[in-house]
Amino acid sequence: MKRVGEDVWGKQGLEGRYANHVQIGVNIKEVVLDFGQYFIEENLPTFHTRIIMAPLDAQALLEILTEALAQYEKMSRGPGQEQ
């Protein structure tokens, strides 16, 4: 059973924020990910979170995201529809 203040993975104190927009910047030492929301009516994104990572950590994130999206695609096909 989920306790109050605990997210689905059992970590307390984390705030969830929805993002449908991301801008990425890079330089020789870091990768900067700015997350936010884009609303058509405003024609402008509103950013709420900035993540700064070393390039090697960003590469690891890319690998993990690639694996997670492959799992999602497999699940979204439904039973008996695996390729």
PDB file of N, CA and C in Angstrom:
ATOM      1  N   MET A   1       0.833  -1.182   0.000  1.00  0.00           N
ATOM      2  CA  MET A   1       0.000   0.000   0.000  1.00  0.00           C
ATOM      3  C   MET A   1       0.876   1.244   0.000  1.00  0.00           C
ATOM      4  N   LYS A   2       0.523   2.221  -0.802  1.00  0.00           N
ATOM      5  CA  LYS A   2       1.268   3.460  -0.912  1.00  0.00           C
ATOM      6  C   LYS A   2       1.012   4.346   0.308  1.00  0.00           C
ATOM      7  N   ARG A   3       2.088   4.838   0.902  1.00  0.00           N
ATOM      8  CA  ARG A   3       1.966   5.737   2.039  1.00  0.00           C
ATOM      9  C   ARG A   3       1.853   7.178   1.550  1.00  0.00           C
ATOM     10  N   VAL A   4       1.252   8.027   2.355  1.00  0.00           N
ATOM     11  CA  VAL A   4       1.127   9.448   2.032  1.00  0.00           C
ATOM     12  C   VAL A   4       2.524  10.040   1.871  1.00  0.00           C
ATOM     13  N   GLY A   5       2.718  10.835   0.802  1.00  0.00           N
ATOM     14  CA  GLY A   5       4.003  11.465   0.557  1.00  0.00           C
ATOM     15  C   GLY A   5       5.007  10.576  -0.148  1.00  0.00           C
ATOM     16  N   GLU A   6       4.584   9.422  -0.589  1.00  0.00           N
ATOM     17  CA  GLU A   6       5.477   8.475  -1.238  1.00  0.00           C
ATOM     18  C   GLU A   6       5.030   8.274  -2.682  1.00  0.00           C
ATOM     19  N   ASP A   7       5.977   8.321  -3.625  1.00  0.00           N
ATOM     20  CA  ASP A   7       5.594   8.101  -5.015  1.00  0.00           C
ATOM     21  C   ASP A   7       5.519   6.606  -5.318  1.00  0.00           C
ATOM     22  N   VAL A   8       5.206   6.254  -6.543  1.00  0.00           N
ATOM     23  CA  VAL A   8       4.984   4.851  -6.899  1.00  0.00           C
ATOM     24  C   VAL A   8       6.229   3.987  -6.744  1.00  0.00           C
ATOM     25  N   TRP A   9       7.408   4.566  -6.717  1.00  0.00           N
ATOM     26  CA  TRP A   9       8.632   3.797  -6.552  1.00  0.00           C
ATOM     27  C   TRP A   9       9.118   3.802  -5.099  1.00  0.00           C
ATOM     28  N   GLY A  10       8.327   4.392  -4.195  1.00  0.00           N
ATOM     29  CA  GLY A  10       8.672   4.366  -2.787  1.00  0.00           C
ATOM     30  C   GLY A  10       9.655   5.442  -2.355  1.00  0.00           C
ATOM     31  N   LYS A  11       9.847   6.451  -3.163  1.00  0.00           N
ATOM     32  CA  LYS A  11      10.759   7.534  -2.809  1.00  0.00           C
ATOM     33  C   LYS A  11       9.949   8.718  -2.277  1.00  0.00           C
ATOM     34  N   GLN A  12      10.312   9.167  -1.105  1.00  0.00           N
ATOM     35  CA  GLN A  12       9.578  10.266  -0.494  1.00  0.00           C
ATOM     36  C   GLN A  12      10.179  11.607  -0.893  1.00  0.00           C
ATOM     37  N   GLY A  13       9.336  12.623  -0.936  1.00  0.00           N
ATOM     38  CA  GLY A  13       9.797  13.981  -1.145  1.00  0.00           C
ATOM     39  C   GLY A  13      10.031  14.386  -2.583  1.00  0.00           C
ATOM     40  N   LEU A  14       9.749  13.523  -3.529  1.00  0.00           N
ATOM     41  CA  LEU A  14       9.938  13.890  -4.930  1.00  0.00           C
ATOM     42  C   LEU A  14       8.684  14.552  -5.461  1.00  0.00           C
ATOM     43  N   GLU A  15       8.869  15.623  -6.214  1.00  0.00           N
ATOM     44  CA  GLU A  15       7.741  16.317  -6.824  1.00  0.00           C
ATOM     45  C   GLU A  15       7.649  15.922  -8.291  1.00  0.00           C
ATOM     46  N   GLY A  16       6.482  15.492  -8.709  1.00  0.00           N
ATOM     47  CA  GLY A  16       6.273  15.151 -10.110  1.00  0.00           C
ATOM     48  C   GLY A  16       5.814  16.370 -10.885  1.00  0.00           C
ATOM     49  N   ARG A  17       6.412  16.611 -12.030  1.00  0.00           N
ATOM     50  CA  ARG A  17       6.022  17.717 -12.896  1.00  0.00           C
ATOM     51  C   ARG A  17       5.807  17.179 -14.299  1.00  0.00           C
ATOM     52  N   TYR A  18       4.717  17.566 -14.931  1.00  0.00           N
ATOM     53  CA  TYR A  18       4.428  17.157 -16.296  1.00  0.00           C
ATOM     54  C   TYR A  18       5.209  18.039 -17.259  1.00  0.00           C
ATOM     55  N   ALA A  19       5.780  17.424 -18.289  1.00  0.00           N
ATOM     56  CA  ALA A  19       6.495  18.174 -19.328  1.00  0.00           C
ATOM     57  C   ALA A  19       6.111  17.618 -20.685  1.00  0.00           C
ATOM     58  N   ASN A  20       5.730  18.505 -21.584  1.00  0.00           N
ATOM     59  CA  ASN A  20       5.484  18.110 -22.968  1.00  0.00           C
ATOM     60  C   ASN A  20       6.411  18.872 -23.920  1.00  0.00           C
ATOM     61  N   HIS A  21       7.427  19.520 -23.331  1.00  0.00           N
ATOM     62  CA  HIS A  21       8.363  20.304 -24.133  1.00  0.00           C
ATOM     63  C   HIS A  21       9.735  20.233 -23.469  1.00  0.00           C
ATOM     64  N   VAL A  22      10.778  20.082 -24.257  1.00  0.00           N
ATOM     65  CA  VAL A  22      12.144  20.080 -23.735  1.00  0.00           C
ATOM     66  C   VAL A  22      13.052  20.793 -24.726  1.00  0.00           C
ATOM     67  N   GLN A  23      13.954  21.581 -24.182  1.00  0.00           N
ATOM     68  CA  GLN A  23      15.003  22.189 -24.993  1.00  0.00           C
ATOM     69  C   GLN A  23      16.336  21.684 -24.457  1.00  0.00           C
ATOM     70  N   ILE A  24      17.250  21.392 -25.366  1.00  0.00           N
ATOM     71  CA  ILE A  24      18.524  20.804 -24.983  1.00  0.00           C
ATOM     72  C   ILE A  24      19.662  21.681 -25.475  1.00  0.00           C
ATOM     73  N   GLY A  25      20.584  21.951 -24.571  1.00  0.00           N
ATOM     74  CA  GLY A  25      21.784  22.702 -24.916  1.00  0.00           C
ATOM     75  C   GLY A  25      23.000  21.877 -24.540  1.00  0.00           C
ATOM     76  N   VAL A  26      24.083  22.037 -25.283  1.00  0.00           N
ATOM     77  CA  VAL A  26      25.312  21.297 -24.992  1.00  0.00           C
ATOM     78  C   VAL A  26      26.507  22.228 -25.079  1.00  0.00           C
ATOM     79  N   ASN A  27      27.505  21.908 -24.278  1.00  0.00           N
ATOM     80  CA  ASN A  27      28.817  22.523 -24.434  1.00  0.00           C
ATOM     81  C   ASN A  27      29.840  21.433 -24.161  1.00  0.00           C
ATOM     82  N   ILE A  28      31.092  21.768 -24.088  1.00  0.00           N
ATOM     83  CA  ILE A  28      32.142  20.758 -23.972  1.00  0.00           C
ATOM     84  C   ILE A  28      32.075  19.980 -22.658  1.00  0.00           C
ATOM     85  N   LYS A  29      31.466  20.566 -21.610  1.00  0.00           N
ATOM     86  CA  LYS A  29      31.473  19.923 -20.300  1.00  0.00           C
ATOM     87  C   LYS A  29      30.120  19.448 -19.805  1.00  0.00           C
ATOM     88  N   GLU A  30      29.017  19.901 -20.441  1.00  0.00           N
ATOM     89  CA  GLU A  30      27.717  19.541 -19.891  1.00  0.00           C
ATOM     90  C   GLU A  30      26.613  19.533 -20.944  1.00  0.00           C
ATOM     91  N   VAL A  31      25.546  18.833 -20.593  1.00  0.00           N
ATOM     92  CA  VAL A  31      24.311  18.808 -21.369  1.00  0.00           C
ATOM     93  C   VAL A  31      23.245  19.416 -20.468  1.00  0.00           C
ATOM     94  N   VAL A  32      22.499  20.377 -20.994  1.00  0.00           N
ATOM     95  CA  VAL A  32      21.480  21.070 -20.206  1.00  0.00           C
ATOM     96  C   VAL A  32      20.112  20.741 -20.797  1.00  0.00           C
ATOM     97  N   LEU A  33      19.228  20.200 -19.954  1.00  0.00           N
ATOM     98  CA  LEU A  33      17.873  19.844 -20.360  1.00  0.00           C
ATOM     99  C   LEU A  33      16.906  20.767 -19.632  1.00  0.00           C
ATOM    100  N   ASP A  34      16.166  21.575 -20.376  1.00  0.00           N
ATOM    101  CA  ASP A  34      15.141  22.445 -19.802  1.00  0.00           C
ATOM    102  C   ASP A  34      13.777  21.859 -20.139  1.00  0.00           C
ATOM    103  N   PHE A  35      13.021  21.489 -19.102  1.00  0.00           N
ATOM    104  CA  PHE A  35      11.709  20.878 -19.263  1.00  0.00           C
ATOM    105  C   PHE A  35      10.617  21.885 -18.953  1.00  0.00           C
ATOM    106  N   GLY A  36       9.515  21.781 -19.690  1.00  0.00           N
ATOM    107  CA  GLY A  36       8.395  22.674 -19.440  1.00  0.00           C
ATOM    108  C   GLY A  36       7.149  22.211 -20.151  1.00  0.00           C
ATOM    109  N   GLN A  37       6.211  23.124 -20.219  1.00  0.00           N
ATOM    110  CA  GLN A  37       4.948  22.848 -20.887  1.00  0.00           C
ATOM    111  C   GLN A  37       4.750  23.869 -21.995  1.00  0.00           C
ATOM    112  N   TYR A  38       4.225  23.367 -23.106  1.00  0.00           N
ATOM    113  CA  TYR A  38       3.922  24.213 -24.253  1.00  0.00           C
ATOM    114  C   TYR A  38       2.424  24.210 -24.465  1.00  0.00           C
ATOM    115  N   PHE A  39       1.862  25.403 -24.519  1.00  0.00           N
ATOM    116  CA  PHE A  39       0.434  25.558 -24.761  1.00  0.00           C
ATOM    117  C   PHE A  39       0.248  26.284 -26.082  1.00  0.00           C
ATOM    118  N   ILE A  40      -0.532  25.694 -26.986  1.00  0.00           N
ATOM    119  CA  ILE A  40      -0.756  26.278 -28.308  1.00  0.00           C
ATOM    120  C   ILE A  40      -1.302  27.697 -28.200  1.00  0.00           C
ATOM    121  N   GLU A  41      -2.226  27.903 -27.254  1.00  0.00           N
ATOM    122  CA  GLU A  41      -2.858  29.219 -27.114  1.00  0.00           C
ATOM    123  C   GLU A  41      -1.835  30.314 -26.831  1.00  0.00           C
ATOM    124  N   GLU A  42      -0.807  29.993 -26.067  1.00  0.00           N
ATOM    125  CA  GLU A  42       0.207  30.985 -25.706  1.00  0.00           C
ATOM    126  C   GLU A  42       1.334  31.056 -26.719  1.00  0.00           C
ATOM    127  N   ASN A  43       1.496  30.001 -27.531  1.00  0.00           N
ATOM    128  CA  ASN A  43       2.551  29.913 -28.532  1.00  0.00           C
ATOM    129  C   ASN A  43       3.937  30.147 -27.922  1.00  0.00           C
ATOM    130  N   LEU A  44       4.085  29.725 -26.657  1.00  0.00           N
ATOM    131  CA  LEU A  44       5.345  29.922 -25.956  1.00  0.00           C
ATOM    132  C   LEU A  44       5.456  28.886 -24.847  1.00  0.00           C
ATOM    133  N   PRO A  45       6.602  28.208 -24.731  1.00  0.00           N
ATOM    134  CA  PRO A  45       6.737  27.241 -23.636  1.00  0.00           C
ATOM    135  C   PRO A  45       6.986  27.941 -22.303  1.00  0.00           C
ATOM    136  N   THR A  46       6.540  27.315 -21.244  1.00  0.00           N
ATOM    137  CA  THR A  46       6.829  27.760 -19.881  1.00  0.00           C
ATOM    138  C   THR A  46       7.697  26.684 -19.250  1.00  0.00           C
ATOM    139  N   PHE A  47       8.916  27.045 -18.863  1.00  0.00           N
ATOM    140  CA  PHE A  47       9.860  26.069 -18.321  1.00  0.00           C
ATOM    141  C   PHE A  47       9.780  26.034 -16.801  1.00  0.00           C
ATOM    142  N   HIS A  48       9.962  24.819 -16.242  1.00  0.00           N
ATOM    143  CA  HIS A  48       9.899  24.688 -14.800  1.00  0.00           C
ATOM    144  C   HIS A  48      11.068  23.927 -14.202  1.00  0.00           C
ATOM    145  N   THR A  49      11.836  23.189 -15.004  1.00  0.00           N
ATOM    146  CA  THR A  49      12.909  22.364 -14.449  1.00  0.00           C
ATOM    147  C   THR A  49      14.113  22.370 -15.370  1.00  0.00           C
ATOM    148  N   ARG A  50      15.288  22.552 -14.795  1.00  0.00           N
ATOM    149  CA  ARG A  50      16.543  22.460 -15.558  1.00  0.00           C
ATOM    150  C   ARG A  50      17.386  21.353 -14.945  1.00  0.00           C
ATOM    151  N   ILE A  51      17.839  20.420 -15.796  1.00  0.00           N
ATOM    152  CA  ILE A  51      18.733  19.348 -15.387  1.00  0.00           C
ATOM    153  C   ILE A  51      20.052  19.557 -16.123  1.00  0.00           C
ATOM    154  N   ILE A  52      21.139  19.566 -15.371  1.00  0.00           N
ATOM    155  CA  ILE A  52      22.467  19.734 -15.953  1.00  0.00           C
ATOM    156  C   ILE A  52      23.235  18.438 -15.703  1.00  0.00           C
ATOM    157  N   MET A  53      23.759  17.858 -16.771  1.00  0.00           N
ATOM    158  CA  MET A  53      24.435  16.566 -16.678  1.00  0.00           C
ATOM    159  C   MET A  53      25.770  16.606 -17.411  1.00  0.00           C
ATOM    160  N   ALA A  54      26.673  15.733 -16.977  1.00  0.00           N
ATOM    161  CA  ALA A  54      27.894  15.499 -17.731  1.00  0.00           C
ATOM    162  C   ALA A  54      27.518  14.721 -18.997  1.00  0.00           C
ATOM    163  N   PRO A  55      28.246  14.911 -20.100  1.00  0.00           N
ATOM    164  CA  PRO A  55      27.923  14.191 -21.337  1.00  0.00           C
ATOM    165  C   PRO A  55      27.858  12.674 -21.171  1.00  0.00           C
ATOM    166  N   LEU A  56      28.727  12.086 -20.372  1.00  0.00           N
ATOM    167  CA  LEU A  56      28.676  10.632 -20.174  1.00  0.00           C
ATOM    168  C   LEU A  56      27.394  10.221 -19.465  1.00  0.00           C
ATOM    169  N   ASP A  57      26.931  11.033 -18.520  1.00  0.00           N
ATOM    170  CA  ASP A  57      25.669  10.735 -17.840  1.00  0.00           C
ATOM    171  C   ASP A  57      24.493  10.893 -18.798  1.00  0.00           C
ATOM    172  N   ALA A  58      24.573  11.861 -19.699  1.00  0.00           N
ATOM    173  CA  ALA A  58      23.520  12.039 -20.701  1.00  0.00           C
ATOM    174  C   ALA A  58      23.473  10.839 -21.651  1.00  0.00           C
ATOM    175  N   GLN A  59      24.638  10.297 -21.986  1.00  0.00           N
ATOM    176  CA  GLN A  59      24.667   9.087 -22.826  1.00  0.00           C
ATOM    177  C   GLN A  59      24.000   7.923 -22.102  1.00  0.00           C
ATOM    178  N   ALA A  60      24.263   7.779 -20.810  1.00  0.00           N
ATOM    179  CA  ALA A  60      23.630   6.709 -20.027  1.00  0.00           C
ATOM    180  C   ALA A  60      22.122   6.926 -19.974  1.00  0.00           C
ATOM    181  N   LEU A  61      21.690   8.174 -19.829  1.00  0.00           N
ATOM    182  CA  LEU A  61      20.257   8.485 -19.835  1.00  0.00           C
ATOM    183  C   LEU A  61      19.632   8.094 -21.172  1.00  0.00           C
ATOM    184  N   LEU A  62      20.307   8.400 -22.258  1.00  0.00           N
ATOM    185  CA  LEU A  62      19.807   8.029 -23.586  1.00  0.00           C
ATOM    186  C   LEU A  62      19.610   6.522 -23.701  1.00  0.00           C
ATOM    187  N   GLU A  63      20.573   5.748 -23.218  1.00  0.00           N
ATOM    188  CA  GLU A  63      20.464   4.287 -23.276  1.00  0.00           C
ATOM    189  C   GLU A  63      19.282   3.792 -22.444  1.00  0.00           C
ATOM    190  N   ILE A  64      19.121   4.344 -21.246  1.00  0.00           N
ATOM    191  CA  ILE A  64      18.019   3.929 -20.371  1.00  0.00           C
ATOM    192  C   ILE A  64      16.673   4.310 -20.985  1.00  0.00           C
ATOM    193  N   LEU A  65      16.575   5.513 -21.555  1.00  0.00           N
ATOM    194  CA  LEU A  65      15.328   5.939 -22.202  1.00  0.00           C
ATOM    195  C   LEU A  65      15.017   5.062 -23.408  1.00  0.00           C
ATOM    196  N   THR A  66      16.026   4.704 -24.173  1.00  0.00           N
ATOM    197  CA  THR A  66      15.827   3.836 -25.335  1.00  0.00           C
ATOM    198  C   THR A  66      15.262   2.487 -24.903  1.00  0.00           C
ATOM    199  N   GLU A  67      15.822   1.919 -23.829  1.00  0.00           N
ATOM    200  CA  GLU A  67      15.317   0.646 -23.308  1.00  0.00           C
ATOM    201  C   GLU A  67      13.884   0.783 -22.794  1.00  0.00           C
ATOM    202  N   ALA A  68      13.613   1.861 -22.071  1.00  0.00           N
ATOM    203  CA  ALA A  68      12.271   2.071 -21.517  1.00  0.00           C
ATOM    204  C   ALA A  68      11.238   2.231 -22.631  1.00  0.00           C
ATOM    205  N   LEU A  69      11.580   2.960 -23.682  1.00  0.00           N
ATOM    206  CA  LEU A  69      10.635   3.149 -24.787  1.00  0.00           C
ATOM    207  C   LEU A  69      10.426   1.853 -25.571  1.00  0.00           C
ATOM    208  N   ALA A  70      11.452   1.028 -25.659  1.00  0.00           N
ATOM    209  CA  ALA A  70      11.286  -0.284 -26.303  1.00  0.00           C
ATOM    210  C   ALA A  70      10.318  -1.136 -25.488  1.00  0.00           C
ATOM    211  N   GLN A  71      10.431  -1.096 -24.157  1.00  0.00           N
ATOM    212  CA  GLN A  71       9.492  -1.819 -23.296  1.00  0.00           C
ATOM    213  C   GLN A  71       8.077  -1.280 -23.460  1.00  0.00           C
ATOM    214  N   TYR A  72       7.944   0.045 -23.531  1.00  0.00           N
ATOM    215  CA  TYR A  72       6.631   0.664 -23.728  1.00  0.00           C
ATOM    216  C   TYR A  72       6.015   0.200 -25.046  1.00  0.00           C
ATOM    217  N   GLU A  73       6.793   0.215 -26.113  1.00  0.00           N
ATOM    218  CA  GLU A  73       6.273  -0.201 -27.418  1.00  0.00           C
ATOM    219  C   GLU A  73       5.808  -1.651 -27.385  1.00  0.00           C
ATOM    220  N   LYS A  74       6.560  -2.484 -26.701  1.00  0.00           N
ATOM    221  CA  LYS A  74       6.184  -3.887 -26.587  1.00  0.00           C
ATOM    222  C   LYS A  74       4.875  -4.021 -25.805  1.00  0.00           C
ATOM    223  N   MET A  75       4.738  -3.286 -24.705  1.00  0.00           N
ATOM    224  CA  MET A  75       3.515  -3.340 -23.893  1.00  0.00           C
ATOM    225  C   MET A  75       2.324  -2.760 -24.641  1.00  0.00           C
ATOM    226  N   SER A  76       2.540  -1.691 -25.405  1.00  0.00           N
ATOM    227  CA  SER A  76       1.426  -1.004 -26.066  1.00  0.00           C
ATOM    228  C   SER A  76       0.837  -1.827 -27.215  1.00  0.00           C
ATOM    229  N   ARG A  77       1.592  -2.802 -27.734  1.00  0.00           N
ATOM    230  CA  ARG A  77       1.070  -3.659 -28.796  1.00  0.00           C
ATOM    231  C   ARG A  77       0.032  -4.637 -28.266  1.00  0.00           C
ATOM    232  N   GLY A  78       0.109  -4.931 -26.970  1.00  0.00           N
ATOM    233  CA  GLY A  78      -0.840  -5.857 -26.373  1.00  0.00           C
ATOM    234  C   GLY A  78      -0.395  -7.290 -26.501  1.00  0.00           C
ATOM    235  N   PRO A  79      -1.055  -8.182 -25.778  1.00  0.00           N
ATOM    236  CA  PRO A  79      -0.692  -9.603 -25.809  1.00  0.00           C
ATOM    237  C   PRO A  79      -0.870 -10.201 -27.201  1.00  0.00           C
ATOM    238  N   GLY A  80       0.089 -11.021 -27.582  1.00  0.00           N
ATOM    239  CA  GLY A  80       0.001 -11.710 -28.867  1.00  0.00           C
ATOM    240  C   GLY A  80       0.362 -10.873 -30.068  1.00  0.00           C
ATOM    241  N   GLN A  81       0.797  -9.627 -29.857  1.00  0.00           N
ATOM    242  CA  GLN A  81       1.130  -8.744 -30.970  1.00  0.00           C
ATOM    243  C   GLN A  81       2.612  -8.399 -31.000  1.00  0.00           C
ATOM    244  N   GLU A  82       3.435  -9.192 -30.301  1.00  0.00           N
ATOM    245  CA  GLU A  82       4.860  -8.933 -30.281  1.00  0.00           C
ATOM    246  C   GLU A  82       5.448  -9.145 -31.673  1.00  0.00           C
ATOM    247  N   GLN A  83       6.489  -8.401 -31.966  1.00  0.00           N
ATOM    248  CA  GLN A  83       7.145  -8.552 -33.265  1.00  0.00           C
ATOM    249  C   GLN A  83       8.526  -9.125 -33.096  1.00  0.00           C
TER     250      GLN A  83
END
